[in-house]
């Protein structure tokens, strides 16, 4: 209904009409927000009643989350594409070990003094 009214008003294009269009758009935004606020608790309630029990709904949600969060492949620093879980794990471990490893630590006294 509001969108039909906007379409009719857009044909006229006077200052008063433009202000009315802005007003109606604000009302539409408010209605959308109210609808979102109405559905939010209902979605939580649905999850509470059906999400934590051992149902197909629960397994579907868990499987979707697992698929979305899984790393399927990674490119190593030498350009190889690695697809198996063990290779991906080893690539991450190697990268971060080299990243946080110091080749020639020195000036420990300065660092330790600053920590006191």
C-alpha atoms as a PDB file:
ATOM      1  CA  UNK A   1       0.000   0.000   0.000  1.00  0.00           C
ATOM      2  CA  UNK A   2       2.748   2.459   0.925  1.00  0.00           C
ATOM      3  CA  UNK A   3       4.766   1.581  -2.172  1.00  0.00           C
ATOM      4  CA  UNK A   4       1.732   2.220  -4.401  1.00  0.00           C
ATOM      5  CA  UNK A   5       1.329   5.636  -2.784  1.00  0.00           C
ATOM      6  CA  UNK A   6       5.011   6.406  -3.430  1.00  0.00           C
ATOM      7  CA  UNK A   7       4.651   5.452  -7.094  1.00  0.00           C
ATOM      8  CA  UNK A   8       1.704   7.819  -7.509  1.00  0.00           C
ATOM      9  CA  UNK A   9       3.499  10.660  -5.738  1.00  0.00           C
ATOM     10  CA  UNK A  10       6.687  10.250  -7.777  1.00  0.00           C
ATOM     11  CA  UNK A  11       4.764  11.167 -10.887  1.00  0.00           C
ATOM     12  CA  UNK A  12       3.989  14.673  -9.527  1.00  0.00           C
ATOM     13  CA  UNK A  13       7.459  15.781  -8.218  1.00  0.00           C
ATOM     14  CA  UNK A  14       6.662  18.915  -6.206  1.00  0.00           C
ATOM     15  CA  UNK A  15       8.461  19.917  -2.985  1.00  0.00           C
ATOM     16  CA  UNK A  16       5.460  18.853  -0.935  1.00  0.00           C
ATOM     17  CA  UNK A  17       5.358  15.505  -2.719  1.00  0.00           C
ATOM     18  CA  UNK A  18       9.075  14.911  -2.216  1.00  0.00           C
ATOM     19  CA  UNK A  19       8.650  15.516   1.531  1.00  0.00           C
ATOM     20  CA  UNK A  20       5.705  13.101   1.616  1.00  0.00           C
ATOM     21  CA  UNK A  21       7.830  10.477  -0.182  1.00  0.00           C
ATOM     22  CA  UNK A  22      10.555  10.875   2.454  1.00  0.00           C
ATOM     23  CA  UNK A  23       7.968  10.526   5.203  1.00  0.00           C
ATOM     24  CA  UNK A  24       6.500   7.359   3.689  1.00  0.00           C
ATOM     25  CA  UNK A  25       9.967   5.870   3.184  1.00  0.00           C
ATOM     26  CA  UNK A  26      10.632   6.504   6.887  1.00  0.00           C
ATOM     27  CA  UNK A  27       7.379   4.750   7.772  1.00  0.00           C
ATOM     28  CA  UNK A  28       8.382   1.782   5.597  1.00  0.00           C
ATOM     29  CA  UNK A  29      11.760   1.577   7.356  1.00  0.00           C
ATOM     30  CA  UNK A  30      10.012   1.668  10.732  1.00  0.00           C
ATOM     31  CA  UNK A  31       7.616  -1.096   9.685  1.00  0.00           C
ATOM     32  CA  UNK A  32      10.511  -3.249   8.446  1.00  0.00           C
ATOM     33  CA  UNK A  33      12.322  -2.770  11.755  1.00  0.00           C
ATOM     34  CA  UNK A  34       9.188  -3.694  13.700  1.00  0.00           C
ATOM     35  CA  UNK A  35       8.774  -6.826  11.586  1.00  0.00           C
ATOM     36  CA  UNK A  36      12.398  -7.797  12.176  1.00  0.00           C
ATOM     37  CA  UNK A  37      11.975  -7.238  15.913  1.00  0.00           C
ATOM     38  CA  UNK A  38       8.837  -9.404  15.875  1.00  0.00           C
ATOM     39  CA  UNK A  39      10.561 -12.313  14.112  1.00  0.00           C
ATOM     40  CA  UNK A  40      13.816 -12.211  16.118  1.00  0.00           C
ATOM     41  CA  UNK A  41      12.377 -13.662  19.375  1.00  0.00           C
ATOM     42  CA  UNK A  42      10.350 -16.192  17.415  1.00  0.00           C
ATOM     43  CA  UNK A  43      13.459 -17.486  15.662  1.00  0.00           C
ATOM     44  CA  UNK A  44      15.212 -17.808  19.031  1.00  0.00           C
ATOM     45  CA  UNK A  45      12.201 -19.619  20.439  1.00  0.00           C
ATOM     46  CA  UNK A  46      12.247 -22.009  17.473  1.00  0.00           C
ATOM     47  CA  UNK A  47      15.915 -22.722  18.130  1.00  0.00           C
ATOM     48  CA  UNK A  48      15.291 -23.260  21.846  1.00  0.00           C
ATOM     49  CA  UNK A  49      12.421 -25.678  21.270  1.00  0.00           C
ATOM     50  CA  UNK A  50      13.912 -27.635  18.370  1.00  0.00           C
ATOM     51  CA  UNK A  51      17.595 -26.765  18.186  1.00  0.00           C
ATOM     52  CA  UNK A  52      19.085 -28.446  21.218  1.00  0.00           C
ATOM     53  CA  UNK A  53      17.365 -31.793  20.943  1.00  0.00           C
ATOM     54  CA  UNK A  54      18.609 -34.559  18.711  1.00  0.00           C
ATOM     55  CA  UNK A  55      16.453 -33.765  15.675  1.00  0.00           C
ATOM     56  CA  UNK A  56      17.020 -33.428  11.966  1.00  0.00           C
ATOM     57  CA  UNK A  57      16.682 -29.654  12.463  1.00  0.00           C
ATOM     58  CA  UNK A  58      19.634 -29.661  14.868  1.00  0.00           C
ATOM     59  CA  UNK A  59      21.775 -31.867  12.598  1.00  0.00           C
ATOM     60  CA  UNK A  60      20.950 -29.710   9.578  1.00  0.00           C
ATOM     61  CA  UNK A  61      22.066 -26.527  11.388  1.00  0.00           C
ATOM     62  CA  UNK A  62      25.226 -28.196  12.728  1.00  0.00           C
ATOM     63  CA  UNK A  63      26.147 -29.623   9.329  1.00  0.00           C
ATOM     64  CA  UNK A  64      25.626 -26.282   7.619  1.00  0.00           C
ATOM     65  CA  UNK A  65      27.856 -24.540  10.150  1.00  0.00           C
ATOM     66  CA  UNK A  66      30.547 -27.203   9.752  1.00  0.00           C
ATOM     67  CA  UNK A  67      30.514 -26.911   5.943  1.00  0.00           C
ATOM     68  CA  UNK A  68      30.697 -23.131   6.148  1.00  0.00           C
ATOM     69  CA  UNK A  69      33.624 -23.156   8.601  1.00  0.00           C
ATOM     70  CA  UNK A  70      35.723 -25.898   6.969  1.00  0.00           C
ATOM     71  CA  UNK A  71      38.887 -25.011   5.092  1.00  0.00           C
ATOM     72  CA  UNK A  72      38.833 -27.171   1.980  1.00  0.00           C
ATOM     73  CA  UNK A  73      42.197 -26.169   0.524  1.00  0.00           C
ATOM     74  CA  UNK A  74      45.082 -23.811   1.094  1.00  0.00           C
ATOM     75  CA  UNK A  75      47.963 -22.580  -0.998  1.00  0.00           C
ATOM     76  CA  UNK A  76      51.396 -23.067   0.532  1.00  0.00           C
ATOM     77  CA  UNK A  77      54.116 -20.428   0.324  1.00  0.00           C
ATOM     78  CA  UNK A  78      55.760 -22.298  -2.542  1.00  0.00           C
ATOM     79  CA  UNK A  79      52.512 -22.122  -4.550  1.00  0.00           C
ATOM     80  CA  UNK A  80      51.282 -25.700  -4.111  1.00  0.00           C
ATOM     81  CA  UNK A  81      47.585 -26.259  -3.516  1.00  0.00           C
ATOM     82  CA  UNK A  82      46.978 -28.531  -0.519  1.00  0.00           C
ATOM     83  CA  UNK A  83      43.637 -30.290  -0.081  1.00  0.00           C
ATOM     84  CA  UNK A  84      44.046 -33.000   2.586  1.00  0.00           C
ATOM     85  CA  UNK A  85      43.407 -32.174   6.255  1.00  0.00           C
ATOM     86  CA  UNK A  86      46.843 -33.273   7.447  1.00  0.00           C
ATOM     87  CA  UNK A  87      48.602 -31.192   4.794  1.00  0.00           C
ATOM     88  CA  UNK A  88      46.517 -28.126   5.622  1.00  0.00           C
ATOM     89  CA  UNK A  89      47.290 -28.571   9.313  1.00  0.00           C
ATOM     90  CA  UNK A  90      51.022 -28.970   8.653  1.00  0.00           C
ATOM     91  CA  UNK A  91      51.057 -25.883   6.410  1.00  0.00           C
ATOM     92  CA  UNK A  92      49.429 -23.750   9.115  1.00  0.00           C
ATOM     93  CA  UNK A  93      51.765 -25.037  11.822  1.00  0.00           C
ATOM     94  CA  UNK A  94      54.853 -24.483   9.684  1.00  0.00           C
ATOM     95  CA  UNK A  95      53.771 -20.962   8.710  1.00  0.00           C
ATOM     96  CA  UNK A  96      53.041 -19.775  12.237  1.00  0.00           C
ATOM     97  CA  UNK A  97      56.127 -21.434  13.728  1.00  0.00           C
ATOM     98  CA  UNK A  98      58.302 -19.565  11.236  1.00  0.00           C
ATOM     99  CA  UNK A  99      56.314 -16.365  11.739  1.00  0.00           C
ATOM    100  CA  UNK A 100      56.824 -16.261  15.511  1.00  0.00           C
ATOM    101  CA  UNK A 101      60.328 -17.717  15.614  1.00  0.00           C
ATOM    102  CA  UNK A 102      63.230 -15.389  16.246  1.00  0.00           C
ATOM    103  CA  UNK A 103      66.455 -16.040  14.363  1.00  0.00           C
ATOM    104  CA  UNK A 104      68.814 -14.073  16.583  1.00  0.00           C
ATOM    105  CA  UNK A 105      67.315 -12.921  19.857  1.00  0.00           C
ATOM    106  CA  UNK A 106      69.242 -10.228  21.700  1.00  0.00           C
ATOM    107  CA  UNK A 107      68.736  -7.252  24.054  1.00  0.00           C
ATOM    108  CA  UNK A 108      66.759  -9.297  26.581  1.00  0.00           C
ATOM    109  CA  UNK A 109      67.810  -6.917  29.340  1.00  0.00           C
ATOM    110  CA  UNK A 110      65.946  -3.995  27.738  1.00  0.00           C
ATOM    111  CA  UNK A 111      62.772  -6.039  27.288  1.00  0.00           C
ATOM    112  CA  UNK A 112      62.895  -7.496  30.785  1.00  0.00           C
ATOM    113  CA  UNK A 113      63.565  -4.067  32.288  1.00  0.00           C
ATOM    114  CA  UNK A 114      60.463  -2.663  30.538  1.00  0.00           C
ATOM    115  CA  UNK A 115      58.317  -5.485  31.924  1.00  0.00           C
ATOM    116  CA  UNK A 116      59.135  -4.688  35.579  1.00  0.00           C
END
